[in-house]
Protein backbone atom coordinates (compact mmCIF):
# COMPACT_ATOMS: atom_id res chain seq x y z
CA MET A 1 -29.40 -14.33 29.56
CA THR A 2 -31.96 -12.69 27.53
CA LEU A 3 -32.08 -12.38 23.68
CA GLN A 4 -32.23 -8.54 24.05
CA LYS A 5 -28.99 -8.46 26.27
CA ALA A 6 -27.31 -10.85 23.73
CA MET A 7 -28.17 -8.17 20.88
CA GLU A 8 -26.87 -5.47 23.00
CA MET A 9 -23.61 -7.30 23.29
CA ILE A 10 -23.10 -7.38 19.71
CA ALA A 11 -24.67 -4.01 18.71
CA PRO A 12 -21.43 -2.26 18.76
CA PHE A 13 -20.27 -4.45 15.83
CA GLU A 14 -23.17 -3.55 13.49
CA GLY A 15 -21.92 -2.91 9.89
CA LEU A 16 -19.15 -5.51 10.03
CA PRO A 17 -19.46 -8.74 7.84
CA TYR A 18 -21.63 -11.34 8.98
CA TYR A 19 -23.51 -9.14 11.50
CA ASP A 20 -26.87 -10.28 10.09
CA GLU A 21 -25.91 -14.00 10.26
CA ALA A 22 -24.65 -13.54 13.77
CA ARG A 23 -28.03 -12.14 14.73
CA ASP A 24 -29.79 -15.03 13.15
CA VAL A 25 -27.51 -17.37 15.19
CA LEU A 26 -28.40 -15.64 18.36
CA TRP A 27 -32.06 -15.77 17.60
CA THR A 28 -31.72 -19.56 16.90
CA ALA A 29 -29.75 -20.07 20.06
CA ALA A 30 -32.26 -18.27 22.24
CA GLY A 31 -34.79 -21.16 21.25
CA HIS A 32 -32.34 -23.71 22.91
CA GLY A 33 -32.26 -22.10 26.17
CA PRO A 34 -30.26 -19.28 28.11
CA LYS A 35 -27.23 -21.49 28.48
CA VAL A 36 -26.95 -21.81 24.82
CA LEU A 37 -27.70 -18.31 24.09
CA HIS A 38 -25.10 -17.07 26.69
CA GLY A 39 -22.23 -19.27 25.07
CA ALA A 40 -23.19 -18.02 21.41
CA ALA A 41 -23.43 -14.41 22.49
CA TYR A 42 -19.93 -14.38 24.09
CA ARG A 43 -18.30 -16.43 21.32
CA ILE A 44 -19.78 -14.08 18.70
CA ARG A 45 -18.65 -11.00 20.81
CA ASP A 46 -15.28 -12.23 20.87
CA ALA A 47 -14.96 -13.20 17.22
CA PHE A 48 -16.21 -9.71 16.21
CA ALA A 49 -13.79 -7.87 18.67
CA SER A 50 -10.86 -10.12 17.33
CA TYR A 51 -12.00 -9.32 13.75
CA GLN A 52 -12.22 -5.47 14.41
CA TYR A 53 -8.80 -5.55 16.36
CA ALA A 54 -7.14 -7.26 13.27
CA VAL A 55 -8.60 -4.87 10.80
CA ASN A 56 -7.72 -1.75 12.97
CA TYR A 57 -4.26 -2.84 14.04
CA GLY A 58 -3.37 -5.51 11.69
CA LYS A 59 0.15 -5.43 9.83
CA SER A 60 -0.03 -3.93 6.23
CA ASP A 61 2.13 -4.97 3.58
CA ALA A 62 2.25 -1.51 2.05
């Protein structure tokens, strides 16, 4: 996996909390090889997707 592809995977989540930190993590992971970058990209994407789902469809106590 390339850094560009990893950045494209998390691009839809721009604006969410910790997006900038996630970009930094991908940048660092890219220096450790494609397997590490691949794993980090998918974990970050899944975390953002779970967060977005919880915010959009989570139970409110109102």
